[in-house]
Amino acid sequence: MAADMKPKISKWFWLKLVSAPFLMFAFAFALVPIYDVLCEITGFNGTTGRVEIEQEYIIDENRQVEVGFLASTAAGFPVQFGPKVSSMMVVPGKFYTASYIAKNNTAETVIGQAVPSVAPTDAALHFKKIECFCFEKQVFKPYEEVEMALRFVVEPELDKRIKDVSLSYNFFRIES
């Protein structure tokens, strides 16, 4: 009689048990684009903003901010990468152009993507790019050297206590 009292496991239980890992994976997969959007909106993690056209800002010619340009490459990425100038003094509200140089040191075509970051984090909200090589993947032909442009503005709303901003790019190799 005790054998008859064994609880019966329903089909719904098995369905929930099997589907739970798939749902957890889908949720984790969806977090990546949600995180990217959150970073772009808030400037969290040093993510910079993007503007489609040059807009007019109120410019204070008496104020300057030093923008430092940094570059690094992920391990195994065979492209030399660095800024043309290490820093420049900018007036918030004015648009500027800077360049980075990349050279493929191999006999093969290499595809990469640059990921930007701005420090201090409070400055990321006010560092806007209108043109940047980081917007799309870059294809480097064998032994090719490329100058890549960056067009940006530091918005006048940047906290007046911030005198230095660092823009850093890390280049990663991606598959085609």
C-alpha atoms as a PDB file:
ATOM      1  CA  MET A   1       0.000   0.000   0.000  1.00  0.00           C
ATOM      2  CA  ALA A   2       2.922   2.371   0.664  1.00  0.00           C
ATOM      3  CA  ALA A   3       4.062   1.877  -2.923  1.00  0.00           C
ATOM      4  CA  ASP A   4       0.747   3.243  -4.190  1.00  0.00           C
ATOM      5  CA  MET A   5       1.190   6.502  -2.227  1.00  0.00           C
ATOM      6  CA  LYS A   6       4.220   7.545  -4.260  1.00  0.00           C
ATOM      7  CA  PRO A   7       3.584  11.108  -5.604  1.00  0.00           C
ATOM      8  CA  LYS A   8       3.013  11.262  -9.346  1.00  0.00           C
ATOM      9  CA  ILE A   9       5.106  13.760 -11.311  1.00  0.00           C
ATOM     10  CA  SER A  10       3.067  15.665 -13.878  1.00  0.00           C
ATOM     11  CA  LYS A  11       3.973  16.597 -17.441  1.00  0.00           C
ATOM     12  CA  TRP A  12       3.948  20.278 -16.420  1.00  0.00           C
ATOM     13  CA  PHE A  13       6.704  19.621 -13.894  1.00  0.00           C
ATOM     14  CA  TRP A  14       8.933  18.092 -16.588  1.00  0.00           C
ATOM     15  CA  LEU A  15       8.114  20.886 -19.008  1.00  0.00           C
ATOM     16  CA  LYS A  16       9.093  23.524 -16.426  1.00  0.00           C
ATOM     17  CA  LEU A  17      12.215  21.605 -15.446  1.00  0.00           C
ATOM     18  CA  VAL A  18      13.439  21.280 -19.024  1.00  0.00           C
ATOM     19  CA  SER A  19      12.477  24.810 -20.144  1.00  0.00           C
ATOM     20  CA  ALA A  20      14.021  26.648 -17.137  1.00  0.00           C
ATOM     21  CA  PRO A  21      17.646  26.406 -18.379  1.00  0.00           C
ATOM     22  CA  PHE A  22      16.619  27.597 -21.851  1.00  0.00           C
ATOM     23  CA  LEU A  23      14.752  30.569 -20.412  1.00  0.00           C
ATOM     24  CA  MET A  24      17.708  31.461 -18.178  1.00  0.00           C
ATOM     25  CA  PHE A  25      20.059  31.336 -21.193  1.00  0.00           C
ATOM     26  CA  ALA A  26      17.708  33.551 -23.251  1.00  0.00           C
ATOM     27  CA  PHE A  27      17.484  36.056 -20.394  1.00  0.00           C
ATOM     28  CA  ALA A  28      21.294  36.191 -20.026  1.00  0.00           C
ATOM     29  CA  PHE A  29      21.658  36.601 -23.800  1.00  0.00           C
ATOM     30  CA  ALA A  30      19.158  39.510 -23.783  1.00  0.00           C
ATOM     31  CA  LEU A  31      21.078  41.305 -21.012  1.00  0.00           C
ATOM     32  CA  VAL A  32      23.988  42.175 -23.339  1.00  0.00           C
ATOM     33  CA  PRO A  33      22.059  44.551 -25.652  1.00  0.00           C
ATOM     34  CA  ILE A  34      20.102  45.920 -22.690  1.00  0.00           C
ATOM     35  CA  TYR A  35      23.404  46.684 -20.919  1.00  0.00           C
ATOM     36  CA  ASP A  36      24.797  48.351 -24.066  1.00  0.00           C
ATOM     37  CA  VAL A  37      21.753  50.630 -24.341  1.00  0.00           C
ATOM     38  CA  LEU A  38      21.923  51.472 -20.634  1.00  0.00           C
ATOM     39  CA  CYS A  39      25.633  52.362 -20.949  1.00  0.00           C
ATOM     40  CA  GLU A  40      25.011  54.560 -23.990  1.00  0.00           C
ATOM     41  CA  ILE A  41      22.171  56.458 -22.294  1.00  0.00           C
ATOM     42  CA  THR A  42      23.859  56.947 -18.923  1.00  0.00           C
ATOM     43  CA  GLY A  43      27.541  57.030 -19.887  1.00  0.00           C
ATOM     44  CA  PHE A  44      28.079  54.180 -17.422  1.00  0.00           C
ATOM     45  CA  ASN A  45      31.351  52.302 -17.918  1.00  0.00           C
ATOM     46  CA  GLY A  46      32.806  55.252 -19.862  1.00  0.00           C
ATOM     47  CA  THR A  47      30.598  54.734 -22.902  1.00  0.00           C
ATOM     48  CA  THR A  48      30.494  57.841 -25.080  1.00  0.00           C
ATOM     49  CA  GLY A  49      27.508  59.307 -26.858  1.00  0.00           C
ATOM     50  CA  ARG A  50      26.943  59.736 -30.564  1.00  0.00           C
ATOM     51  CA  VAL A  51      25.411  62.629 -32.473  1.00  0.00           C
ATOM     52  CA  GLU A  52      24.240  62.491 -36.079  1.00  0.00           C
ATOM     53  CA  ILE A  53      24.963  66.095 -37.066  1.00  0.00           C
ATOM     54  CA  GLU A  54      27.056  68.940 -35.730  1.00  0.00           C
ATOM     55  CA  GLN A  55      24.841  71.078 -33.561  1.00  0.00           C
ATOM     56  CA  GLU A  56      25.484  74.537 -32.204  1.00  0.00           C
ATOM     57  CA  TYR A  57      26.613  74.933 -28.612  1.00  0.00           C
ATOM     58  CA  ILE A  58      27.217  78.024 -26.532  1.00  0.00           C
ATOM     59  CA  ILE A  59      30.992  78.317 -26.495  1.00  0.00           C
ATOM     60  CA  ASP A  60      33.069  79.762 -23.669  1.00  0.00           C
ATOM     61  CA  GLU A  61      36.446  80.565 -25.264  1.00  0.00           C
ATOM     62  CA  ASN A  62      37.983  81.027 -21.795  1.00  0.00           C
ATOM     63  CA  ARG A  63      37.457  77.390 -20.828  1.00  0.00           C
ATOM     64  CA  GLN A  64      39.680  74.545 -22.014  1.00  0.00           C
ATOM     65  CA  VAL A  65      39.742  70.826 -21.360  1.00  0.00           C
ATOM     66  CA  GLU A  66      42.664  68.563 -22.173  1.00  0.00           C
ATOM     67  CA  VAL A  67      41.597  65.424 -24.036  1.00  0.00           C
ATOM     68  CA  GLY A  68      44.132  62.593 -23.850  1.00  0.00           C
ATOM     69  CA  PHE A  69      44.070  59.840 -26.468  1.00  0.00           C
ATOM     70  CA  LEU A  70      45.014  56.297 -25.511  1.00  0.00           C
ATOM     71  CA  ALA A  71      45.072  53.036 -27.451  1.00  0.00           C
ATOM     72  CA  SER A  72      45.539  49.355 -26.769  1.00  0.00           C
ATOM     73  CA  THR A  73      44.964  46.099 -28.582  1.00  0.00           C
ATOM     74  CA  ALA A  74      43.683  42.791 -27.312  1.00  0.00           C
ATOM     75  CA  ALA A  75      46.137  39.929 -27.032  1.00  0.00           C
ATOM     76  CA  GLY A  76      46.724  38.305 -30.395  1.00  0.00           C
ATOM     77  CA  PHE A  77      45.521  41.280 -32.426  1.00  0.00           C
ATOM     78  CA  PRO A  78      48.348  41.769 -34.970  1.00  0.00           C
ATOM     79  CA  VAL A  79      47.668  45.432 -35.745  1.00  0.00           C
ATOM     80  CA  GLN A  80      49.777  48.282 -34.364  1.00  0.00           C
ATOM     81  CA  PHE A  81      47.352  50.924 -33.165  1.00  0.00           C
ATOM     82  CA  GLY A  82      47.834  54.354 -31.630  1.00  0.00           C
ATOM     83  CA  PRO A  83      46.783  57.996 -31.679  1.00  0.00           C
ATOM     84  CA  LYS A  84      48.475  60.450 -34.036  1.00  0.00           C
ATOM     85  CA  VAL A  85      48.741  62.936 -31.136  1.00  0.00           C
ATOM     86  CA  SER A  86      48.673  62.000 -27.461  1.00  0.00           C
ATOM     87  CA  SER A  87      46.467  64.908 -26.366  1.00  0.00           C
ATOM     88  CA  MET A  88      44.877  68.191 -27.416  1.00  0.00           C
ATOM     89  CA  MET A  89      43.389  71.190 -25.681  1.00  0.00           C
ATOM     90  CA  VAL A  90      39.734  71.678 -26.639  1.00  0.00           C
ATOM     91  CA  VAL A  91      37.135  74.328 -25.988  1.00  0.00           C
ATOM     92  CA  PRO A  92      33.849  72.719 -24.901  1.00  0.00           C
ATOM     93  CA  GLY A  93      31.194  73.206 -27.564  1.00  0.00           C
ATOM     94  CA  LYS A  94      33.598  73.221 -30.530  1.00  0.00           C
ATOM     95  CA  PHE A  95      34.014  70.210 -32.828  1.00  0.00           C
ATOM     96  CA  TYR A  96      37.478  68.713 -33.301  1.00  0.00           C
ATOM     97  CA  THR A  97      39.085  66.043 -35.434  1.00  0.00           C
ATOM     98  CA  ALA A  98      41.720  63.620 -34.200  1.00  0.00           C
ATOM     99  CA  SER A  99      43.292  60.623 -35.898  1.00  0.00           C
ATOM    100  CA  TYR A 100      44.479  57.173 -34.962  1.00  0.00           C
ATOM    101  CA  ILE A 101      46.943  55.167 -37.032  1.00  0.00           C
ATOM    102  CA  ALA A 102      46.620  51.404 -37.487  1.00  0.00           C
ATOM    103  CA  LYS A 103      49.073  49.131 -39.305  1.00  0.00           C
ATOM    104  CA  ASN A 104      48.497  45.483 -40.088  1.00  0.00           C
ATOM    105  CA  ASN A 105      51.783  43.669 -39.495  1.00  0.00           C
ATOM    106  CA  THR A 106      50.765  40.396 -41.127  1.00  0.00           C
ATOM    107  CA  ALA A 107      50.375  38.944 -44.615  1.00  0.00           C
ATOM    108  CA  GLU A 108      46.704  38.223 -43.949  1.00  0.00           C
ATOM    109  CA  THR A 109      43.581  40.360 -43.910  1.00  0.00           C
ATOM    110  CA  VAL A 110      42.566  41.208 -40.336  1.00  0.00           C
ATOM    111  CA  ILE A 111      39.145  42.403 -39.171  1.00  0.00           C
ATOM    112  CA  GLY A 112      38.824  44.356 -35.935  1.00  0.00           C
ATOM    113  CA  GLN A 113      36.490  46.506 -33.893  1.00  0.00           C
ATOM    114  CA  ALA A 114      37.514  49.359 -31.607  1.00  0.00           C
ATOM    115  CA  VAL A 115      35.666  49.812 -28.323  1.00  0.00           C
ATOM    116  CA  PRO A 116      35.838  53.309 -26.770  1.00  0.00           C
ATOM    117  CA  SER A 117      35.857  54.324 -23.140  1.00  0.00           C
ATOM    118  CA  VAL A 118      36.013  57.755 -21.503  1.00  0.00           C
ATOM    119  CA  ALA A 119      37.383  58.626 -18.087  1.00  0.00           C
ATOM    120  CA  PRO A 120      36.320  60.086 -15.765  1.00  0.00           C
ATOM    121  CA  THR A 121      32.938  58.409 -16.058  1.00  0.00           C
ATOM    122  CA  ASP A 122      31.142  61.728 -15.411  1.00  0.00           C
ATOM    123  CA  ALA A 123      32.697  63.089 -18.619  1.00  0.00           C
ATOM    124  CA  ALA A 124      31.401  60.224 -20.776  1.00  0.00           C
ATOM    125  CA  LEU A 125      27.912  61.724 -20.913  1.00  0.00           C
ATOM    126  CA  HIS A 126      29.324  64.917 -22.417  1.00  0.00           C
ATOM    127  CA  PHE A 127      31.840  63.440 -24.853  1.00  0.00           C
ATOM    128  CA  LYS A 128      29.986  63.064 -28.175  1.00  0.00           C
ATOM    129  CA  LYS A 129      31.262  61.627 -31.439  1.00  0.00           C
ATOM    130  CA  ILE A 130      29.856  62.520 -34.849  1.00  0.00           C
ATOM    131  CA  GLU A 131      32.332  60.390 -36.820  1.00  0.00           C
ATOM    132  CA  CYS A 132      34.380  57.497 -35.498  1.00  0.00           C
ATOM    133  CA  PHE A 133      36.129  54.417 -36.776  1.00  0.00           C
ATOM    134  CA  CYS A 134      34.629  52.633 -33.779  1.00  0.00           C
ATOM    135  CA  PHE A 135      31.131  52.822 -35.290  1.00  0.00           C
ATOM    136  CA  GLU A 136      31.861  49.881 -37.587  1.00  0.00           C
ATOM    137  CA  LYS A 137      34.293  47.020 -37.997  1.00  0.00           C
ATOM    138  CA  GLN A 138      37.588  47.766 -39.712  1.00  0.00           C
ATOM    139  CA  VAL A 139      39.165  45.576 -42.385  1.00  0.00           C
ATOM    140  CA  PHE A 140      42.964  45.770 -42.609  1.00  0.00           C
ATOM    141  CA  LYS A 141      44.595  44.384 -45.749  1.00  0.00           C
ATOM    142  CA  PRO A 142      48.029  42.734 -45.472  1.00  0.00           C
ATOM    143  CA  TYR A 143      50.689  45.221 -44.301  1.00  0.00           C
ATOM    144  CA  GLU A 144      48.250  48.105 -44.801  1.00  0.00           C
ATOM    145  CA  GLU A 145      48.606  51.316 -42.769  1.00  0.00           C
ATOM    146  CA  VAL A 146      45.404  53.315 -42.272  1.00  0.00           C
ATOM    147  CA  GLU A 147      44.660  56.711 -40.739  1.00  0.00           C
ATOM    148  CA  MET A 148      41.278  56.623 -39.028  1.00  0.00           C
ATOM    149  CA  ALA A 149      39.387  59.806 -38.171  1.00  0.00           C
ATOM    150  CA  LEU A 150      37.502  60.727 -35.050  1.00  0.00           C
ATOM    151  CA  ARG A 151      35.275  63.830 -35.001  1.00  0.00           C
ATOM    152  CA  PHE A 152      34.065  64.800 -31.536  1.00  0.00           C
ATOM    153  CA  VAL A 153      32.823  67.517 -29.217  1.00  0.00           C
ATOM    154  CA  VAL A 154      33.027  67.962 -25.466  1.00  0.00           C
ATOM    155  CA  GLU A 155      29.701  69.482 -24.484  1.00  0.00           C
ATOM    156  CA  PRO A 156      29.757  72.731 -22.467  1.00  0.00           C
ATOM    157  CA  GLU A 157      27.570  71.047 -19.835  1.00  0.00           C
ATOM    158  CA  LEU A 158      30.645  69.086 -18.698  1.00  0.00           C
ATOM    159  CA  ASP A 159      31.262  69.757 -15.006  1.00  0.00           C
ATOM    160  CA  LYS A 160      33.608  72.766 -14.766  1.00  0.00           C
ATOM    161  CA  ARG A 161      35.758  70.918 -12.217  1.00  0.00           C
ATOM    162  CA  ILE A 162      36.770  68.388 -14.893  1.00  0.00           C
ATOM    163  CA  LYS A 163      39.909  69.663 -16.635  1.00  0.00           C
ATOM    164  CA  ASP A 164      41.175  66.410 -18.176  1.00  0.00           C
ATOM    165  CA  VAL A 165      39.329  63.739 -20.158  1.00  0.00           C
ATOM    166  CA  SER A 166      40.863  60.508 -21.429  1.00  0.00           C
ATOM    167  CA  LEU A 167      39.511  58.751 -24.497  1.00  0.00           C
ATOM    168  CA  SER A 168      40.727  55.195 -24.730  1.00  0.00           C
ATOM    169  CA  TYR A 169      40.183  52.613 -27.456  1.00  0.00           C
ATOM    170  CA  ASN A 170      40.774  48.894 -27.207  1.00  0.00           C
ATOM    171  CA  PHE A 171      40.923  47.105 -30.562  1.00  0.00           C
ATOM    172  CA  PHE A 172      39.686  43.516 -30.710  1.00  0.00           C
ATOM    173  CA  ARG A 173      39.996  40.993 -33.500  1.00  0.00           C
ATOM    174  CA  ILE A 174      36.665  39.778 -34.813  1.00  0.00           C
ATOM    175  CA  GLU A 175      35.854  37.044 -37.251  1.00  0.00           C
ATOM    176  CA  SER A 176      34.268  37.925 -40.583  1.00  0.00           C
END
